[in-house]
N, C-alpha and C. Protein backbone atom coordinates (compact mmCIF):
# COMPACT_ATOMS: atom_id res chain seq x y z
N GLN A 1 -15.65 -78.80 -57.74
CA GLN A 1 -15.07 -78.20 -56.86
C GLN A 1 -15.99 -76.88 -55.99
N VAL A 2 -15.94 -77.06 -54.62
CA VAL A 2 -16.56 -76.04 -53.90
C VAL A 2 -15.60 -75.11 -53.36
N GLN A 3 -15.52 -73.77 -53.24
CA GLN A 3 -15.11 -72.92 -52.58
C GLN A 3 -15.76 -72.15 -51.78
N LEU A 4 -15.23 -72.34 -50.27
CA LEU A 4 -15.74 -71.69 -49.15
C LEU A 4 -15.31 -70.73 -48.36
N VAL A 5 -15.84 -69.25 -48.51
CA VAL A 5 -15.05 -68.59 -47.36
C VAL A 5 -15.76 -68.02 -46.75
N GLU A 6 -15.36 -68.26 -45.00
CA GLU A 6 -15.97 -67.72 -43.83
C GLU A 6 -15.89 -66.19 -43.88
N SER A 7 -17.08 -65.46 -42.96
CA SER A 7 -16.87 -64.44 -42.43
C SER A 7 -17.26 -64.15 -41.53
N GLY A 8 -16.75 -62.84 -40.31
CA GLY A 8 -17.88 -62.22 -39.50
C GLY A 8 -17.64 -62.93 -38.25
N GLY A 9 -16.16 -63.52 -38.04
CA GLY A 9 -15.90 -64.18 -36.87
C GLY A 9 -15.48 -62.82 -36.00
N GLY A 10 -14.77 -62.72 -34.75
CA GLY A 10 -14.21 -61.78 -34.35
C GLY A 10 -14.26 -62.31 -32.38
N LEU A 11 -14.03 -61.15 -31.57
CA LEU A 11 -14.16 -60.94 -30.45
C LEU A 11 -15.22 -60.19 -29.67
N VAL A 12 -16.00 -61.43 -28.82
CA VAL A 12 -17.44 -60.65 -28.20
C VAL A 12 -17.29 -60.96 -27.20
N GLN A 13 -18.57 -60.13 -26.00
CA GLN A 13 -18.70 -60.66 -24.50
C GLN A 13 -19.50 -61.39 -24.04
N ALA A 14 -19.30 -62.43 -23.67
CA ALA A 14 -20.10 -63.05 -22.95
C ALA A 14 -22.21 -62.32 -23.15
N GLY A 15 -22.77 -63.15 -23.92
CA GLY A 15 -24.33 -62.53 -23.67
C GLY A 15 -24.40 -61.93 -25.57
N GLY A 16 -23.40 -61.26 -26.08
CA GLY A 16 -23.14 -61.00 -27.07
C GLY A 16 -23.72 -61.87 -28.37
N SER A 17 -23.42 -61.45 -29.48
CA SER A 17 -24.19 -61.92 -30.64
C SER A 17 -22.89 -61.63 -31.75
N LEU A 18 -23.18 -62.77 -32.63
CA LEU A 18 -22.40 -62.72 -34.38
C LEU A 18 -23.21 -63.28 -35.03
N ARG A 19 -22.79 -62.79 -36.42
CA ARG A 19 -23.20 -63.18 -37.35
C ARG A 19 -21.96 -63.84 -38.61
N LEU A 20 -22.58 -65.31 -38.76
CA LEU A 20 -21.30 -65.68 -39.41
C LEU A 20 -21.94 -65.83 -40.95
N SER A 21 -20.91 -65.78 -41.84
CA SER A 21 -21.59 -65.56 -43.31
C SER A 21 -20.52 -66.57 -44.20
N CYS A 22 -20.81 -67.44 -44.97
CA CYS A 22 -19.83 -68.27 -46.03
C CYS A 22 -20.46 -68.49 -46.94
N ALA A 23 -19.30 -67.52 -48.16
CA ALA A 23 -19.80 -67.71 -49.46
C ALA A 23 -19.33 -68.72 -50.13
N ALA A 24 -19.99 -69.45 -51.10
CA ALA A 24 -19.53 -70.26 -51.88
C ALA A 24 -19.59 -69.90 -53.26
N SER A 25 -18.50 -70.97 -53.79
CA SER A 25 -18.14 -70.60 -55.38
C SER A 25 -17.79 -71.93 -55.98
N GLY A 26 -17.73 -72.13 -57.25
CA GLY A 26 -17.56 -73.43 -58.13
C GLY A 26 -19.03 -74.04 -58.53
N ARG A 27 -19.13 -75.69 -57.84
CA ARG A 27 -20.12 -75.82 -58.57
C ARG A 27 -21.74 -75.28 -57.82
N THR A 28 -23.04 -76.10 -58.31
CA THR A 28 -24.16 -75.37 -57.97
C THR A 28 -24.23 -75.31 -56.43
N PHE A 29 -24.55 -74.47 -55.83
CA PHE A 29 -24.75 -74.47 -54.53
C PHE A 29 -25.98 -75.20 -53.84
N SER A 30 -26.98 -75.15 -54.63
CA SER A 30 -28.38 -75.58 -54.33
C SER A 30 -28.13 -77.12 -54.22
N ASN A 31 -27.18 -77.93 -54.65
CA ASN A 31 -26.86 -79.22 -54.63
C ASN A 31 -26.57 -79.98 -53.49
N TYR A 32 -25.96 -78.81 -52.59
CA TYR A 32 -25.24 -79.11 -51.90
C TYR A 32 -26.14 -78.66 -50.23
N ALA A 33 -25.81 -79.95 -48.96
CA ALA A 33 -26.25 -79.34 -47.51
C ALA A 33 -25.19 -78.60 -47.32
N MET A 34 -25.48 -77.62 -46.36
CA MET A 34 -24.14 -77.07 -45.48
C MET A 34 -23.97 -77.41 -44.06
N GLY A 35 -23.35 -77.13 -43.92
CA GLY A 35 -23.25 -77.05 -42.59
C GLY A 35 -21.75 -75.89 -41.79
N TRP A 36 -22.56 -76.07 -40.55
CA TRP A 36 -20.98 -75.40 -39.60
C TRP A 36 -20.88 -76.03 -38.65
N PHE A 37 -19.62 -76.30 -38.67
CA PHE A 37 -18.82 -77.10 -37.52
C PHE A 37 -17.77 -75.88 -37.10
N ARG A 38 -17.24 -76.14 -35.89
CA ARG A 38 -16.44 -75.61 -34.64
C ARG A 38 -15.49 -76.49 -34.08
N GLN A 39 -14.13 -76.07 -33.96
CA GLN A 39 -12.73 -76.16 -33.45
C GLN A 39 -12.07 -75.77 -32.44
N ASP A 40 -11.76 -76.19 -31.20
CA ASP A 40 -11.06 -75.62 -30.38
C ASP A 40 -9.94 -76.52 -30.62
N PRO A 41 -8.72 -75.78 -30.05
CA PRO A 41 -7.36 -76.49 -30.50
C PRO A 41 -7.55 -77.64 -29.01
N GLY A 42 -7.32 -78.84 -29.55
CA GLY A 42 -6.83 -79.98 -28.74
C GLY A 42 -8.31 -80.90 -28.51
N LYS A 43 -9.43 -80.08 -29.41
CA LYS A 43 -10.73 -80.92 -29.21
C LYS A 43 -11.15 -81.51 -30.27
N GLU A 44 -12.05 -82.38 -30.44
CA GLU A 44 -12.51 -83.07 -32.06
C GLU A 44 -13.69 -81.82 -32.40
N ARG A 45 -13.03 -82.02 -33.84
CA ARG A 45 -14.45 -80.64 -34.77
C ARG A 45 -15.50 -81.28 -34.57
N GLU A 46 -16.47 -80.75 -34.19
CA GLU A 46 -18.27 -80.86 -33.96
C GLU A 46 -18.46 -79.65 -34.52
N LEU A 47 -19.99 -80.96 -35.13
CA LEU A 47 -20.88 -80.38 -35.86
C LEU A 47 -21.87 -79.21 -35.24
N VAL A 48 -22.31 -78.15 -35.13
CA VAL A 48 -22.81 -77.22 -34.77
C VAL A 48 -24.07 -76.87 -35.14
N ALA A 49 -24.05 -76.73 -36.81
CA ALA A 49 -25.23 -76.73 -37.18
C ALA A 49 -25.76 -76.92 -38.89
N ALA A 50 -26.85 -77.75 -39.33
CA ALA A 50 -26.60 -78.22 -40.77
C ALA A 50 -27.93 -77.89 -41.23
N ILE A 51 -27.68 -77.53 -42.41
CA ILE A 51 -29.01 -77.13 -43.51
C ILE A 51 -29.04 -77.91 -44.57
N SER A 52 -30.01 -78.32 -44.76
CA SER A 52 -30.25 -79.26 -46.23
C SER A 52 -30.42 -78.25 -47.71
N TRP A 53 -30.13 -78.68 -48.55
CA TRP A 53 -30.03 -78.08 -49.75
C TRP A 53 -31.00 -76.96 -50.11
N ASN A 54 -32.39 -77.28 -49.64
CA ASN A 54 -33.18 -76.41 -49.93
C ASN A 54 -34.07 -75.18 -48.83
N GLY A 55 -33.03 -75.77 -47.63
CA GLY A 55 -33.27 -74.95 -46.45
C GLY A 55 -34.55 -75.85 -45.70
N ALA A 56 -35.12 -76.43 -46.18
CA ALA A 56 -36.84 -76.96 -45.26
C ALA A 56 -36.25 -77.64 -44.45
N SER A 57 -34.79 -78.49 -43.82
CA SER A 57 -34.89 -78.98 -42.82
C SER A 57 -33.70 -78.54 -42.06
N THR A 58 -33.24 -78.40 -40.83
CA THR A 58 -32.19 -77.91 -40.06
C THR A 58 -31.86 -79.16 -38.98
N TYR A 59 -30.56 -78.99 -38.68
CA TYR A 59 -29.92 -79.50 -37.71
C TYR A 59 -29.35 -78.72 -36.39
N SER A 60 -29.16 -78.48 -35.36
CA SER A 60 -28.28 -77.78 -34.44
C SER A 60 -27.65 -78.88 -33.37
N VAL A 61 -26.85 -78.74 -32.94
CA VAL A 61 -26.09 -79.43 -31.70
C VAL A 61 -26.96 -79.15 -30.10
N ASP A 62 -27.57 -80.07 -29.41
CA ASP A 62 -28.32 -79.57 -28.06
C ASP A 62 -27.93 -78.48 -27.33
N SER A 63 -26.23 -78.12 -27.44
CA SER A 63 -25.87 -77.14 -26.72
C SER A 63 -25.42 -75.54 -27.47
N VAL A 64 -26.34 -75.63 -28.45
CA VAL A 64 -26.59 -74.46 -29.58
C VAL A 64 -28.11 -74.03 -29.38
N LYS A 65 -28.93 -74.89 -29.15
CA LYS A 65 -30.23 -75.04 -29.65
C LYS A 65 -30.83 -73.79 -28.64
N GLY A 66 -31.46 -72.85 -29.39
CA GLY A 66 -32.05 -71.79 -29.12
C GLY A 66 -31.47 -70.52 -29.08
N ARG A 67 -30.16 -70.52 -29.48
CA ARG A 67 -28.95 -69.79 -29.28
C ARG A 67 -28.67 -69.71 -30.82
N PHE A 68 -28.52 -70.26 -31.59
CA PHE A 68 -27.76 -70.21 -32.76
C PHE A 68 -28.78 -70.90 -33.89
N THR A 69 -28.64 -69.81 -35.04
CA THR A 69 -29.62 -70.53 -36.39
C THR A 69 -29.14 -70.32 -37.48
N ILE A 70 -29.05 -71.18 -38.48
CA ILE A 70 -28.63 -71.81 -39.35
C ILE A 70 -29.74 -71.68 -40.67
N SER A 71 -29.09 -70.54 -41.45
CA SER A 71 -29.97 -70.38 -42.92
C SER A 71 -29.07 -70.34 -43.99
N ARG A 72 -29.88 -70.47 -45.35
CA ARG A 72 -29.12 -70.44 -46.31
C ARG A 72 -29.67 -69.13 -47.54
N ASP A 73 -29.31 -68.94 -48.45
CA ASP A 73 -30.05 -67.98 -49.71
C ASP A 73 -29.18 -68.92 -50.46
N ASN A 74 -29.67 -69.62 -51.27
CA ASN A 74 -29.21 -70.23 -52.45
C ASN A 74 -28.89 -69.05 -53.87
N ALA A 75 -29.97 -68.25 -53.99
CA ALA A 75 -29.78 -66.75 -55.02
C ALA A 75 -28.42 -66.21 -54.66
N LYS A 76 -27.68 -66.17 -53.25
CA LYS A 76 -26.71 -65.69 -53.13
C LYS A 76 -25.37 -66.58 -52.99
N ASN A 77 -26.20 -67.85 -53.12
CA ASN A 77 -24.50 -68.55 -52.71
C ASN A 77 -24.48 -68.59 -51.60
N SER A 78 -25.19 -68.28 -50.33
CA SER A 78 -24.86 -68.11 -48.84
C SER A 78 -25.18 -69.21 -47.87
N VAL A 79 -24.32 -69.00 -46.86
CA VAL A 79 -24.99 -70.12 -45.80
C VAL A 79 -24.65 -68.85 -44.32
N TYR A 80 -25.36 -69.07 -43.35
CA TYR A 80 -25.44 -67.93 -42.11
C TYR A 80 -25.52 -68.76 -40.83
N LEU A 81 -24.84 -68.10 -39.94
CA LEU A 81 -24.98 -68.84 -38.84
C LEU A 81 -24.92 -67.60 -37.52
N GLU A 82 -26.31 -67.65 -37.39
CA GLU A 82 -26.55 -66.08 -36.30
C GLU A 82 -26.67 -66.89 -35.17
N MET A 83 -25.69 -65.70 -34.15
CA MET A 83 -25.39 -66.62 -32.81
C MET A 83 -25.50 -65.91 -31.86
N SER A 84 -26.15 -66.17 -30.49
CA SER A 84 -26.74 -65.12 -29.79
C SER A 84 -26.48 -65.56 -28.76
N ARG A 85 -26.30 -64.82 -27.10
CA ARG A 85 -26.15 -65.22 -26.00
C ARG A 85 -25.20 -66.09 -25.86
N LEU A 86 -23.81 -65.90 -26.36
CA LEU A 86 -22.65 -66.56 -26.83
C LEU A 86 -22.34 -66.64 -25.49
N LYS A 87 -21.63 -68.09 -25.23
CA LYS A 87 -20.86 -68.19 -23.60
C LYS A 87 -19.22 -68.11 -24.13
N PRO A 88 -18.32 -68.35 -23.24
CA PRO A 88 -17.05 -68.47 -23.50
C PRO A 88 -16.66 -69.83 -24.05
N GLU A 89 -17.32 -70.95 -23.49
CA GLU A 89 -17.49 -72.47 -24.16
C GLU A 89 -17.67 -72.55 -25.68
N ASP A 90 -18.29 -71.51 -26.64
CA ASP A 90 -18.76 -71.17 -27.71
C ASP A 90 -17.25 -71.00 -28.74
N THR A 91 -16.32 -70.02 -27.48
CA THR A 91 -15.07 -69.89 -28.91
C THR A 91 -14.34 -71.44 -29.40
N ALA A 92 -14.04 -70.60 -30.20
CA ALA A 92 -13.33 -71.61 -31.56
C ALA A 92 -13.22 -71.28 -32.60
N ARG A 93 -12.65 -72.02 -33.58
CA ARG A 93 -12.54 -71.76 -34.86
C ARG A 93 -13.83 -72.35 -35.78
N TYR A 94 -14.31 -71.70 -36.73
CA TYR A 94 -15.63 -72.43 -37.18
C TYR A 94 -15.68 -72.27 -38.68
N TYR A 95 -16.26 -73.50 -39.06
CA TYR A 95 -15.90 -74.04 -40.08
C TYR A 95 -17.10 -74.26 -41.21
N CYS A 96 -16.87 -73.38 -42.26
CA CYS A 96 -18.36 -73.90 -43.17
C CYS A 96 -18.02 -75.04 -44.09
N ALA A 97 -19.02 -76.00 -44.30
CA ALA A 97 -18.62 -77.16 -45.03
C ALA A 97 -19.63 -77.75 -45.96
N ALA A 98 -19.54 -77.90 -47.08
CA ALA A 98 -20.54 -78.46 -47.88
C ALA A 98 -20.48 -80.52 -48.10
N THR A 99 -21.95 -80.90 -48.36
CA THR A 99 -21.77 -82.11 -48.70
C THR A 99 -22.98 -82.16 -49.67
N ARG A 100 -23.14 -83.43 -50.35
CA ARG A 100 -23.86 -83.88 -51.32
C ARG A 100 -24.61 -85.04 -50.49
N LYS A 101 -23.98 -85.68 -49.55
CA LYS A 101 -24.94 -86.49 -48.78
C LYS A 101 -26.13 -86.20 -48.32
N THR A 102 -27.25 -87.15 -48.63
CA THR A 102 -28.22 -87.08 -48.25
C THR A 102 -28.59 -86.74 -46.79
N ASN A 103 -27.45 -87.90 -45.48
CA ASN A 103 -27.60 -87.47 -44.30
C ASN A 103 -26.44 -86.43 -44.46
N TYR A 104 -26.56 -85.25 -43.37
CA TYR A 104 -25.82 -84.38 -43.46
C TYR A 104 -25.40 -84.33 -42.08
N ILE A 105 -26.18 -85.15 -40.95
CA ILE A 105 -25.35 -85.06 -39.75
C ILE A 105 -24.50 -85.97 -40.03
N THR A 106 -23.38 -85.71 -39.95
CA THR A 106 -22.17 -86.53 -40.14
C THR A 106 -20.70 -85.35 -40.18
N LYS A 107 -19.64 -86.00 -39.94
CA LYS A 107 -18.61 -84.75 -39.67
C LYS A 107 -18.25 -85.45 -41.29
N ASN A 108 -18.17 -86.12 -42.06
CA ASN A 108 -17.57 -86.33 -43.18
C ASN A 108 -18.22 -85.03 -44.24
N TYR A 109 -17.68 -84.20 -44.17
CA TYR A 109 -18.36 -83.29 -45.40
C TYR A 109 -17.13 -83.01 -46.56
N ASP A 110 -17.49 -83.05 -47.56
CA ASP A 110 -16.50 -83.17 -48.59
C ASP A 110 -16.11 -81.54 -49.21
N TYR A 111 -16.34 -80.82 -48.35
CA TYR A 111 -15.52 -79.31 -48.92
C TYR A 111 -15.51 -78.76 -47.71
N TRP A 112 -14.26 -77.74 -47.40
CA TRP A 112 -14.18 -76.93 -46.37
C TRP A 112 -13.88 -75.68 -46.45
N GLY A 113 -14.14 -74.62 -45.68
CA GLY A 113 -13.36 -73.36 -45.66
C GLY A 113 -12.38 -73.17 -44.50
N GLN A 114 -11.70 -72.34 -44.70
CA GLN A 114 -10.69 -72.17 -43.71
C GLN A 114 -10.78 -71.81 -42.60
N GLY A 115 -12.00 -71.42 -42.40
CA GLY A 115 -12.62 -71.24 -41.01
C GLY A 115 -12.77 -69.71 -40.40
N THR A 116 -12.81 -69.11 -39.34
CA THR A 116 -13.01 -67.90 -38.63
C THR A 116 -13.12 -68.32 -37.23
N GLN A 117 -12.19 -67.25 -36.85
CA GLN A 117 -12.38 -67.43 -35.27
C GLN A 117 -13.34 -66.59 -34.57
N VAL A 118 -13.96 -67.20 -33.36
CA VAL A 118 -14.97 -66.73 -32.93
C VAL A 118 -14.58 -66.73 -31.23
N THR A 119 -14.22 -65.35 -30.75
CA THR A 119 -13.61 -65.70 -29.43
C THR A 119 -14.65 -64.96 -28.57
N VAL A 120 -15.08 -65.83 -27.00
CA VAL A 120 -16.42 -65.23 -26.46
C VAL A 120 -15.69 -65.23 -25.06
N SER A 121 -15.64 -63.63 -24.64
CA SER A 121 -14.88 -63.28 -23.24
C SER A 121 -15.98 -62.98 -22.30
N SER A 122 -15.47 -63.63 -20.97
CA SER A 122 -16.25 -63.79 -20.06
C SER A 122 -16.44 -62.72 -19.34
């Protein structure tokens, strides 16, 4: 089992920045690729960004490229999502997730956190 706890969400004005953090415990963190997902009520959960187990490769969805950066610190069992130039359409609940799958560009992650709300006002 892997336990994931997100933090750092909040209310921010459009154009502002937030940094989400996800702390992992349980199994060996460096065995897992990590992803950040978001979901707004009535919409499908979307993979926003993902990072390989060693941080050597990353993925981000087109709508956040150039604005969001995913990173991880295996020594701290943590993964981060730096969000800048936020837009109202980024408003959603953001979830941290872990997978042992080689292909981490997928919706089917193995472990999930409870999420943290990000609200961007216009």
